[in-house]
Protein backbone atom coordinates (compact mmCIF):
# COMPACT_ATOMS: atom_id res chain seq x y z
CA MET A 1 0.00 0.00 0.00
CA GLY A 2 2.98 2.35 0.22
CA SER A 3 1.83 5.68 1.62
CA GLN A 4 -1.44 4.30 2.96
CA ASN A 5 0.42 1.75 5.07
CA ALA A 6 2.48 4.63 6.45
CA VAL A 7 -0.71 6.45 7.39
CA SER A 8 -2.49 3.63 9.18
CA PRO A 9 -1.18 0.27 10.43
CA LEU A 10 -4.71 -1.06 9.94
CA LEU A 11 -4.28 -0.83 6.17
CA ARG A 12 -2.19 -3.97 5.94
CA SER A 13 -2.98 -7.55 5.11
CA LEU A 14 -4.35 -10.06 7.59
CA VAL A 15 -1.35 -11.79 9.14
CA ARG A 16 -3.07 -14.99 10.31
CA PRO A 17 -6.41 -16.15 8.90
CA HIS A 18 -7.99 -18.74 11.20
CA GLY A 19 -11.23 -20.41 12.23
CA PHE A 20 -12.90 -20.10 15.61
CA GLU A 21 -10.52 -20.42 18.55
CA PRO A 22 -10.69 -19.33 22.22
CA LEU A 23 -9.93 -15.67 22.87
CA ARG A 24 -8.40 -14.19 26.01
CA VAL A 25 -10.97 -12.32 28.13
CA GLU A 26 -10.16 -9.59 30.61
CA GLY A 27 -12.95 -8.61 32.98
CA ARG A 28 -16.28 -10.39 33.12
CA LEU A 29 -18.48 -10.88 30.09
CA PRO A 30 -22.19 -10.14 30.70
CA GLU A 31 -24.09 -13.42 30.85
CA PRO A 32 -26.96 -12.14 28.65
CA LEU A 33 -24.49 -11.33 25.83
CA ARG A 34 -25.00 -14.37 23.62
CA GLY A 35 -24.49 -14.43 19.89
CA THR A 36 -21.92 -13.47 17.29
CA LEU A 37 -20.37 -10.16 16.31
CA PHE A 38 -19.53 -10.07 12.60
CA ARG A 39 -17.28 -7.43 11.00
CA ALA A 40 -15.97 -6.96 7.45
CA GLY A 41 -13.23 -4.91 5.86
CA PRO A 42 -10.40 -5.11 3.35
CA GLY A 43 -8.07 -7.95 4.29
CA LEU A 44 -5.44 -8.32 1.56
CA PHE A 45 -3.61 -5.20 0.43
CA GLU A 46 -0.77 -7.04 -1.32
CA ARG A 47 -0.82 -10.18 -3.46
CA PHE A 48 1.45 -11.61 -6.15
CA GLY A 49 4.15 -9.11 -5.22
CA ALA A 50 1.94 -6.12 -6.06
CA SER A 51 0.12 -3.54 -3.90
CA LEU A 52 -3.30 -2.00 -4.40
CA SER A 53 -4.04 1.68 -4.94
CA HIS A 54 -6.96 1.81 -2.50
CA ALA A 55 -8.53 -0.18 0.33
CA PHE A 56 -11.84 -0.45 -1.56
CA GLU A 57 -10.10 -2.77 -4.07
CA ALA A 58 -8.80 -5.27 -1.51
CA ASP A 59 -10.19 -8.75 -1.01
CA GLY A 60 -12.32 -8.76 2.11
CA ALA A 61 -11.74 -10.34 5.49
CA VAL A 62 -14.65 -11.28 7.76
CA THR A 63 -14.01 -11.29 11.50
CA ALA A 64 -16.33 -12.93 14.02
CA VAL A 65 -16.44 -13.08 17.82
CA ARG A 66 -18.85 -15.58 19.36
CA PHE A 67 -20.10 -14.90 22.90
CA ASP A 68 -21.71 -17.70 24.95
CA GLY A 69 -22.28 -15.93 28.28
CA ARG A 70 -19.06 -17.27 29.78
CA GLY A 71 -16.28 -16.85 27.24
CA ALA A 72 -15.62 -15.94 23.64
CA GLN A 73 -14.21 -17.49 20.48
CA GLY A 74 -12.92 -15.59 17.49
CA ALA A 75 -12.28 -16.21 13.80
CA CYS A 76 -10.99 -14.16 10.88
CA ARG A 77 -10.94 -15.38 7.30
CA ILE A 78 -10.35 -14.00 3.83
CA VAL A 79 -13.36 -13.86 1.51
CA GLU A 80 -12.30 -16.43 -1.11
CA SER A 81 -14.75 -15.38 -3.81
CA ALA A 82 -14.87 -16.82 -7.33
CA GLY A 83 -12.76 -13.87 -8.49
CA TYR A 84 -10.23 -14.48 -5.74
CA ARG A 85 -9.99 -18.15 -6.72
CA ALA A 86 -9.56 -17.23 -10.39
CA GLU A 87 -6.66 -14.94 -9.48
CA GLU A 88 -5.07 -17.62 -7.32
CA ALA A 89 -5.25 -20.02 -10.26
CA ALA A 90 -3.79 -17.40 -12.64
CA GLY A 91 -1.11 -16.28 -10.19
CA ARG A 92 -1.86 -12.58 -10.75
CA PHE A 93 -4.47 -9.86 -10.22
CA LEU A 94 -7.23 -9.92 -12.84
CA PHE A 95 -9.83 -7.35 -11.77
CA ASN A 96 -8.39 -4.23 -10.10
CA SER A 97 -5.88 -1.43 -10.67
CA ALA A 98 -2.96 -3.76 -9.90
CA ALA A 99 -3.98 -6.02 -12.79
CA SER A 100 -2.45 -5.56 -16.21
CA TRP A 101 -4.24 -3.26 -18.62
CA LEU A 102 -5.08 -6.26 -20.82
CA ASP A 103 -6.66 -8.17 -17.91
CA ARG A 104 -8.61 -5.08 -16.85
CA MET A 105 -9.88 -4.68 -20.40
CA ARG A 106 -10.93 -8.31 -20.56
CA ALA A 107 -12.85 -7.99 -17.30
CA ALA A 108 -14.50 -4.71 -18.36
CA ARG A 109 -15.54 -5.95 -21.79
CA SER A 110 -16.92 -9.23 -20.44
CA GLY A 111 -18.74 -7.48 -17.60
CA THR A 112 -17.07 -9.70 -15.00
CA ALA A 113 -16.02 -8.39 -11.61
CA LYS A 114 -14.83 -9.68 -8.27
CA THR A 115 -17.26 -9.77 -5.34
CA THR A 116 -14.74 -8.88 -2.65
CA GLY A 117 -17.11 -8.67 0.34
CA ASN A 118 -14.80 -6.05 1.87
CA THR A 119 -17.23 -3.51 3.34
CA SER A 120 -19.96 -4.99 5.52
CA THR A 121 -21.62 -8.12 6.84
CA PHE A 122 -25.34 -8.75 6.61
CA VAL A 123 -27.33 -11.45 8.41
CA TRP A 124 -30.75 -12.20 6.93
CA GLN A 125 -32.93 -15.20 7.68
CA ASP A 126 -29.99 -16.91 9.45
CA ARG A 127 -27.73 -16.50 6.41
CA LEU A 128 -24.48 -14.53 6.52
CA PHE A 129 -23.34 -12.38 3.61
CA ALA A 130 -20.21 -10.30 3.03
CA LEU A 131 -21.10 -7.17 1.05
CA MET A 132 -19.25 -4.67 -1.11
CA GLU A 133 -20.15 -1.53 -3.02
CA GLY A 134 -20.85 -3.02 -6.45
CA GLY A 135 -21.32 -6.79 -6.42
CA LEU A 136 -23.66 -9.60 -5.54
CA LEU A 137 -24.09 -10.94 -2.03
CA GLN A 138 -21.13 -13.15 -1.13
CA GLU A 139 -22.48 -15.84 1.15
CA MET A 140 -20.36 -17.11 4.05
CA ASN A 141 -20.88 -19.97 6.48
CA PRO A 142 -21.72 -18.27 9.81
CA ASP A 143 -20.44 -21.27 11.81
CA THR A 144 -17.01 -21.52 10.16
CA LEU A 145 -16.59 -18.34 8.02
CA ASP A 146 -15.92 -20.57 5.01
CA THR A 147 -16.68 -18.79 1.74
CA LEU A 148 -19.71 -20.16 -0.11
CA GLU A 149 -21.05 -18.91 -3.46
CA ALA A 150 -22.15 -15.42 -4.43
CA THR A 151 -25.90 -15.07 -4.86
CA ASP A 152 -28.43 -12.70 -6.38
CA LEU A 153 -31.21 -14.06 -4.12
CA GLY A 154 -33.21 -14.47 -7.30
CA VAL A 155 -33.93 -10.72 -7.60
CA VAL A 156 -30.70 -8.69 -7.67
CA SER A 157 -30.05 -7.26 -11.12
CA GLY A 158 -26.34 -6.59 -10.80
CA ALA A 159 -25.27 -5.14 -7.46
CA PHE A 160 -26.42 -5.15 -3.85
CA SER A 161 -24.91 -2.30 -1.84
CA ALA A 162 -23.03 -2.71 1.43
CA HIS A 163 -25.58 -0.62 3.38
CA PRO A 164 -28.93 -2.40 3.78
CA HIS A 165 -31.25 -0.74 6.30
CA ARG A 166 -34.06 -2.34 8.25
CA VAL A 167 -37.24 -0.49 9.19
CA ALA A 168 -38.25 -2.02 12.50
CA SER A 169 -41.98 -1.24 12.24
CA LEU A 170 -42.20 -2.87 8.79
CA ARG A 171 -40.05 -5.87 9.75
CA THR A 172 -38.31 -5.43 6.42
CA THR A 173 -34.78 -4.62 5.30
CA PHE A 174 -34.35 -2.39 2.25
CA ASN A 175 -31.36 -1.92 -0.01
CA PHE A 176 -30.28 -0.64 -3.41
CA GLY A 177 -27.83 -1.53 -6.15
CA VAL A 178 -26.24 0.66 -8.83
CA ARG A 179 -25.90 -0.29 -12.50
CA TYR A 180 -23.56 1.79 -14.66
CA GLY A 181 -24.13 2.00 -18.39
CA GLN A 182 -25.28 4.66 -20.81
CA LYS A 183 -27.42 5.76 -17.89
CA MET A 184 -26.93 5.17 -14.18
CA LEU A 185 -29.76 3.08 -12.73
CA ILE A 186 -30.49 2.50 -9.05
CA ASP A 187 -32.41 -0.71 -8.30
CA LEU A 188 -34.41 -0.93 -5.07
CA TYR A 189 -34.97 -4.10 -3.03
CA ALA A 190 -37.04 -5.30 -0.07
CA LEU A 191 -36.09 -8.25 2.12
CA PRO A 192 -38.77 -9.10 4.70
CA ASP A 193 -37.84 -10.78 7.97
CA ALA A 194 -39.92 -13.73 6.77
CA GLY A 195 -40.68 -14.51 3.15
CA ALA A 196 -39.05 -13.96 -0.22
CA PRO A 197 -37.11 -10.85 -1.30
CA SER A 198 -38.43 -8.61 -4.06
CA LYS A 199 -37.26 -5.93 -6.43
CA LEU A 200 -39.35 -2.79 -5.87
CA GLY A 201 -38.32 -0.86 -8.96
CA THR A 202 -35.61 1.26 -10.55
CA VAL A 203 -34.74 4.96 -10.35
CA GLU A 204 -32.69 6.75 -13.01
CA ALA A 205 -29.93 9.04 -11.70
CA PRO A 206 -29.20 12.42 -13.37
CA TRP A 207 -25.45 11.68 -13.61
CA HIS A 208 -22.99 8.84 -13.01
CA SER A 209 -22.03 9.15 -9.35
CA MET A 210 -21.09 7.06 -6.35
CA VAL A 211 -24.07 6.13 -4.17
CA HIS A 212 -22.62 4.71 -0.98
CA ASP A 213 -25.44 4.76 1.57
CA PHE A 214 -29.16 5.56 1.71
CA MET A 215 -32.00 5.63 4.24
CA ALA A 216 -35.42 4.06 4.72
CA THR A 217 -38.49 5.11 6.69
CA GLU A 218 -41.96 3.67 7.06
CA ARG A 219 -43.05 5.53 3.91
CA ASN A 220 -39.99 6.37 1.82
CA LEU A 221 -36.59 5.30 0.59
CA ILE A 222 -34.14 8.22 0.47
CA LEU A 223 -31.19 8.15 -1.94
CA PHE A 224 -28.24 10.53 -1.77
CA LEU A 225 -26.53 11.63 -4.96
CA GLY A 226 -23.45 13.70 -4.20
CA PRO A 227 -21.64 16.02 -6.64
CA VAL A 228 -19.16 13.32 -7.59
CA LYS A 229 -18.82 12.15 -11.19
CA LEU A 230 -17.57 8.82 -12.45
CA ASN A 231 -15.43 8.93 -15.59
CA LEU A 232 -17.31 6.07 -17.21
CA LEU A 233 -15.12 5.84 -20.31
CA ARG A 234 -11.91 5.54 -18.28
CA ALA A 235 -13.58 2.97 -16.03
CA MET A 236 -14.68 0.89 -19.03
CA LEU A 237 -11.22 1.09 -20.61
CA GLY A 238 -9.41 0.34 -17.37
CA LEU A 239 -7.33 3.49 -17.63
CA SER A 240 -7.42 4.76 -14.03
CA ASP A 241 -6.84 3.47 -10.56
CA PHE A 242 -9.77 3.69 -8.18
CA LYS A 243 -8.87 7.06 -6.65
CA LYS A 244 -8.83 8.72 -10.07
CA LEU A 245 -12.19 7.42 -11.29
CA PHE A 246 -14.35 9.81 -9.26
CA GLN A 247 -14.09 13.60 -9.41
CA TRP A 248 -15.57 16.21 -7.08
CA LYS A 249 -17.92 18.51 -9.06
CA PRO A 250 -19.43 20.98 -6.53
CA GLU A 251 -21.17 22.90 -9.31
CA LEU A 252 -23.60 19.98 -9.63
CA GLY A 253 -24.88 20.41 -6.10
CA ALA A 254 -26.23 17.44 -4.14
CA ARG A 255 -29.54 15.63 -4.57
CA LEU A 256 -31.80 13.72 -2.23
CA ILE A 257 -34.20 11.47 -4.12
CA VAL A 258 -37.25 10.50 -2.05
CA VAL A 259 -38.92 7.34 -3.36
CA PRO A 260 -42.39 6.54 -1.93
CA LEU A 261 -42.72 2.89 -0.98
CA ASP A 262 -46.30 2.87 -2.26
CA ASP A 263 -45.33 4.41 -5.63
CA VAL A 264 -41.66 3.89 -6.52
CA GLN A 265 -42.30 5.30 -9.99
CA ALA A 266 -43.00 8.77 -8.53
CA PRO A 267 -39.75 9.91 -6.83
CA ARG A 268 -39.28 13.47 -5.57
CA THR A 269 -35.92 15.20 -5.95
CA PHE A 270 -34.53 17.81 -3.53
CA GLU A 271 -31.69 19.97 -4.84
CA LEU A 272 -29.15 20.99 -2.18
CA ASP A 273 -25.85 22.81 -1.93
CA ALA A 274 -22.78 20.65 -2.52
CA PHE A 275 -21.75 18.31 0.31
CA TRP A 276 -20.84 14.68 0.79
CA THR A 277 -21.85 11.91 3.16
CA TRP A 278 -20.56 8.41 3.56
CA HIS A 279 -23.04 7.32 6.22
CA PHE A 280 -26.53 8.07 7.44
CA ALA A 281 -27.62 7.73 11.06
CA ASN A 282 -31.38 7.36 10.62
CA ALA A 283 -34.44 8.87 8.98
CA PHE A 284 -38.03 9.23 10.13
CA GLU A 285 -41.30 10.77 8.99
CA ASP A 286 -42.11 14.19 10.41
CA GLU A 287 -44.89 16.66 9.74
CA GLY A 288 -44.45 17.76 6.14
CA GLY A 289 -41.95 15.09 5.15
CA PRO A 290 -39.01 12.97 6.20
CA CYS A 291 -36.09 14.04 8.38
CA VAL A 292 -32.73 12.58 7.42
CA ASP A 293 -29.75 12.46 9.80
CA LEU A 294 -26.26 12.02 8.37
CA CYS A 295 -22.55 12.67 8.87
CA ARG A 296 -21.97 15.70 6.65
CA TYR A 297 -18.65 16.43 4.93
CA PRO A 298 -18.15 19.71 3.07
CA GLU A 299 -16.50 17.82 0.22
CA PHE A 300 -15.61 14.36 -1.11
CA SER A 301 -12.33 12.52 -0.53
CA LEU A 302 -11.12 8.96 -0.97
CA GLU A 303 -8.12 9.42 1.31
CA ASP A 304 -7.83 7.83 4.77
CA ILE A 305 -11.12 5.95 4.45
CA GLY A 306 -12.13 4.45 7.80
CA GLU A 307 -11.01 7.35 9.96
CA VAL A 308 -13.30 9.96 11.52
CA GLU A 309 -11.28 12.80 10.03
CA GLU A 310 -10.14 12.50 6.45
CA THR A 311 -7.68 14.92 4.85
CA GLY A 312 -10.37 17.60 4.58
CA ALA A 313 -12.82 19.04 7.11
CA PRO A 314 -14.31 16.52 9.56
CA PRO A 315 -17.90 15.23 9.41
CA LEU A 316 -20.60 16.74 11.61
CA LEU A 317 -23.92 15.13 12.52
CA THR A 318 -26.58 17.03 10.57
CA ARG A 319 -30.34 16.79 10.06
CA LEU A 320 -32.05 17.59 6.77
CA HIS A 321 -35.74 18.47 7.08
CA LEU A 322 -37.51 17.74 3.78
CA ASP A 323 -40.79 19.49 2.97
CA LEU A 324 -42.70 17.44 0.40
CA LYS A 325 -45.12 20.28 -0.30
CA THR A 326 -42.60 22.98 -1.13
CA GLY A 327 -39.75 20.78 -2.32
CA LYS A 328 -37.42 22.68 -0.01
CA ALA A 329 -34.96 21.40 2.58
CA ARG A 330 -33.48 23.02 5.64
CA GLU A 331 -30.45 21.94 7.62
CA THR A 332 -29.80 21.66 11.37
CA LYS A 333 -26.51 20.76 13.04
CA LEU A 334 -27.16 18.15 15.74
CA PHE A 335 -23.76 17.70 17.40
CA ASP A 336 -20.60 19.82 17.53
CA VAL A 337 -18.00 17.04 17.81
CA PRO A 338 -16.82 15.29 14.60
CA CYS A 339 -18.37 11.85 14.39
CA GLU A 340 -18.78 8.90 12.06
CA PHE A 341 -20.30 5.42 11.92
CA PRO A 342 -23.50 6.33 13.81
CA GLN A 343 -25.60 3.50 15.25
CA LEU A 344 -28.87 3.31 17.18
CA HIS A 345 -31.08 0.81 18.96
CA PRO A 346 -32.62 -1.57 16.38
CA ARG A 347 -36.08 -0.94 17.85
CA VAL A 348 -36.15 2.59 16.42
CA HIS A 349 -34.56 2.04 13.00
CA GLY A 350 -36.57 4.00 10.43
CA GLY A 351 -38.62 5.81 13.08
CA ARG A 352 -38.39 8.64 15.59
CA TYR A 353 -35.49 8.33 18.00
CA GLY A 354 -33.57 10.37 20.55
CA THR A 355 -30.28 8.57 21.17
CA LEU A 356 -27.45 7.32 19.00
CA PHE A 357 -23.92 6.04 19.45
CA ALA A 358 -20.98 7.00 17.23
CA GLN A 359 -17.23 7.04 16.86
CA THR A 360 -16.09 10.57 17.74
CA GLU A 361 -12.92 12.61 17.78
CA ARG A 362 -12.39 15.53 20.14
CA ARG A 363 -9.41 17.85 19.70
CA SER A 364 -7.35 19.92 22.10
CA GLY A 365 -3.82 21.29 22.00
CA GLY A 366 -3.36 20.05 18.47
CA LEU A 367 -4.08 16.45 19.55
CA LYS A 368 -6.95 14.18 18.54
CA HIS A 369 -8.82 12.18 21.17
CA PRO A 370 -11.00 9.37 19.77
CA GLY A 371 -13.95 8.06 21.69
CA ILE A 372 -17.19 6.12 21.57
CA THR A 373 -19.99 8.53 22.41
CA ARG A 374 -23.66 8.33 23.32
CA ILE A 375 -25.31 11.35 21.78
CA ALA A 376 -28.62 12.49 23.27
CA LEU A 377 -30.72 14.28 20.66
CA ASP A 378 -33.81 14.43 22.87
CA GLY A 379 -32.32 16.57 25.63
CA GLY A 380 -31.14 13.62 27.68
CA LYS A 381 -27.68 13.04 29.09
CA GLY A 382 -24.87 12.03 26.76
CA ALA A 383 -21.75 10.09 27.70
CA GLU A 384 -18.39 9.16 26.24
CA TRP A 385 -15.73 6.53 26.66
CA ALA A 386 -12.37 8.08 25.78
CA VAL A 387 -10.43 5.38 23.97
CA PRO A 388 -6.96 4.84 25.51
CA ALA A 389 -4.05 6.60 23.82
CA GLY A 390 -2.65 4.56 20.95
CA HIS A 391 -5.88 2.60 20.51
CA VAL A 392 -7.90 2.94 17.29
CA PRO A 393 -11.69 2.36 17.52
CA SER A 394 -14.12 1.33 14.80
CA GLU A 395 -17.86 1.49 14.21
CA PRO A 396 -19.77 0.65 17.43
CA VAL A 397 -22.25 -2.23 17.20
CA LEU A 398 -25.31 -2.24 19.47
CA VAL A 399 -26.72 -5.40 21.03
CA PRO A 400 -30.18 -4.62 22.50
CA ARG A 401 -30.69 -5.52 26.15
CA GLY A 402 -33.96 -3.71 26.88
CA GLU A 403 -36.43 -1.32 25.25
CA ALA A 404 -34.76 1.96 26.22
CA GLU A 405 -32.65 3.42 23.42
CA ASP A 406 -29.48 3.35 25.53
CA ASP A 407 -30.18 -0.06 27.04
CA ALA A 408 -27.74 -2.04 24.96
CA PHE A 409 -24.30 -3.55 25.02
CA VAL A 410 -21.92 -1.62 22.79
CA LEU A 411 -19.26 -3.70 21.05
CA ASP A 412 -16.26 -2.04 19.44
CA LEU A 413 -13.37 -3.73 17.63
CA ILE A 414 -10.23 -1.79 18.59
CA TYR A 415 -6.62 -1.91 17.44
CA ASP A 416 -3.91 -1.47 20.07
CA THR A 417 -0.95 0.13 18.27
CA LYS A 418 1.49 -0.58 21.10
CA GLY A 419 0.57 -4.22 21.54
CA ASP A 420 -0.04 -4.64 17.79
CA HIS A 421 -3.19 -6.66 18.29
CA SER A 422 -6.94 -6.14 18.16
CA TYR A 423 -9.60 -6.62 20.81
CA VAL A 424 -13.33 -6.16 21.29
CA ALA A 425 -14.37 -3.74 24.03
CA VAL A 426 -17.70 -4.65 25.65
CA LEU A 427 -19.37 -1.53 27.00
CA ASP A 428 -22.63 -0.86 28.82
CA GLY A 429 -24.55 1.70 26.77
CA GLN A 430 -26.12 3.20 29.91
CA HIS A 431 -22.74 3.58 31.65
CA LEU A 432 -20.50 4.26 28.70
CA GLU A 433 -18.18 6.57 30.62
CA ASP A 434 -17.19 3.71 32.95
CA GLY A 435 -15.30 2.00 30.15
CA PRO A 436 -15.39 -1.65 29.14
CA VAL A 437 -16.88 -4.23 31.46
CA ALA A 438 -14.75 -6.74 29.55
CA THR A 439 -12.28 -6.90 26.69
CA VAL A 440 -11.83 -9.86 24.35
CA HIS A 441 -8.38 -10.16 22.76
CA PHE A 442 -7.08 -11.58 19.50
CA ASP A 443 -3.37 -12.42 19.50
CA HIS A 444 -2.85 -10.53 16.23
CA PRO A 445 -4.02 -7.34 14.51
CA ILE A 446 -7.24 -7.28 12.47
CA PRO A 447 -7.08 -5.09 9.34
CA VAL A 448 -9.47 -2.14 9.25
CA THR A 449 -13.15 -3.11 9.34
CA PHE A 450 -15.85 -0.78 8.07
CA HIS A 451 -19.20 -2.27 9.09
CA GLY A 452 -20.79 -5.24 10.77
CA GLY A 453 -23.57 -6.41 13.01
CA PHE A 454 -24.61 -8.83 15.71
CA ALA A 455 -26.57 -12.05 15.32
CA ALA A 456 -28.22 -13.07 18.58
CA ALA A 457 -28.00 -16.74 19.55
CA SER A 458 -31.19 -18.59 18.77
């Protein structure tokens, strides 16, 4: 990775893939914490003597920690997709910027790609999938982390994004997938808790962009189209590495496309000033239209992905109030401290809420102080666990314990730079400032993970 490895020790290949094995526990694990934490991220940054230009191109690694009320077991394995296996057989990269121009051209012209599974995990109907930005669902065995086959679930047209969102009141998970061609098309999907998945319809985008995340409420799906343009010709010809394919075009402004669930053929578009977001927190229906909460960046960057602060200005938690009658939007800042990877109690996904948890970064004296923070949007009391110096947090994952929005265990996979290993901090969401009630330690570092979730034991 060259310069990226110099920036973050997490941007390096997995040193020891392995199946489930006992992990060292410090403190006492809560007895009610039973189930498996799954995380995904890029796991191989170098292969065949070559390095990749960006983490988004790397083959994925899925990490799992299984809690049984007494102890914990952990596993971490590379996503050995069909594309990965083809490259192993060929002895060289075939699909990304480290591949030869001829191999990139072959892949582009044949429409083949590698489903790396390097961004998120998704558990649906007791099946585990590793997800990426632009591929099918890569199924994994949840008991062993063995790689199975990629699947379209019988409905996915070409891609299934890495950011599915469940609306608790509808007992349904929604997602989208982008298809690039002469026009950019965004396919919309519904996956009920019970029953078969379905394709809801397709929305045409006004320009070729990157659509990373979206939101869902009880009435609407909300797509974000930032002022970023894909150079489609260069992508098709394999002429650029990943970082050079997308260009910031602030003159385009940003768009929010609101798609009614009861009439997906009648989307409403809100035109906004230029900004960028990687991740939404939540959305809910308010008087006049939906409110959308997101981590707002003033501009787009592909540098230092996975850190709260990129090379530009940091992200701030912001609410967009959308008025369906006037077509106007207004903006409210919700929190003054830079934050990313917001999470909330699953009971309130897609509905009104007052509490969320996020990875934050306070600054003083020219130093940055990362933390895991409970943010009270309803006037309640917030709290923060200041991560120890030299420790690098990731996206917090909430495991519900009760009905209150803060009544959850908070799990965070953390890298200890001094000990050069990773561990999971187990925090009490209602007493976050007290620090971990237990820590669960791998004997090696885990490469950066972007997203994940928790599957409760049945």
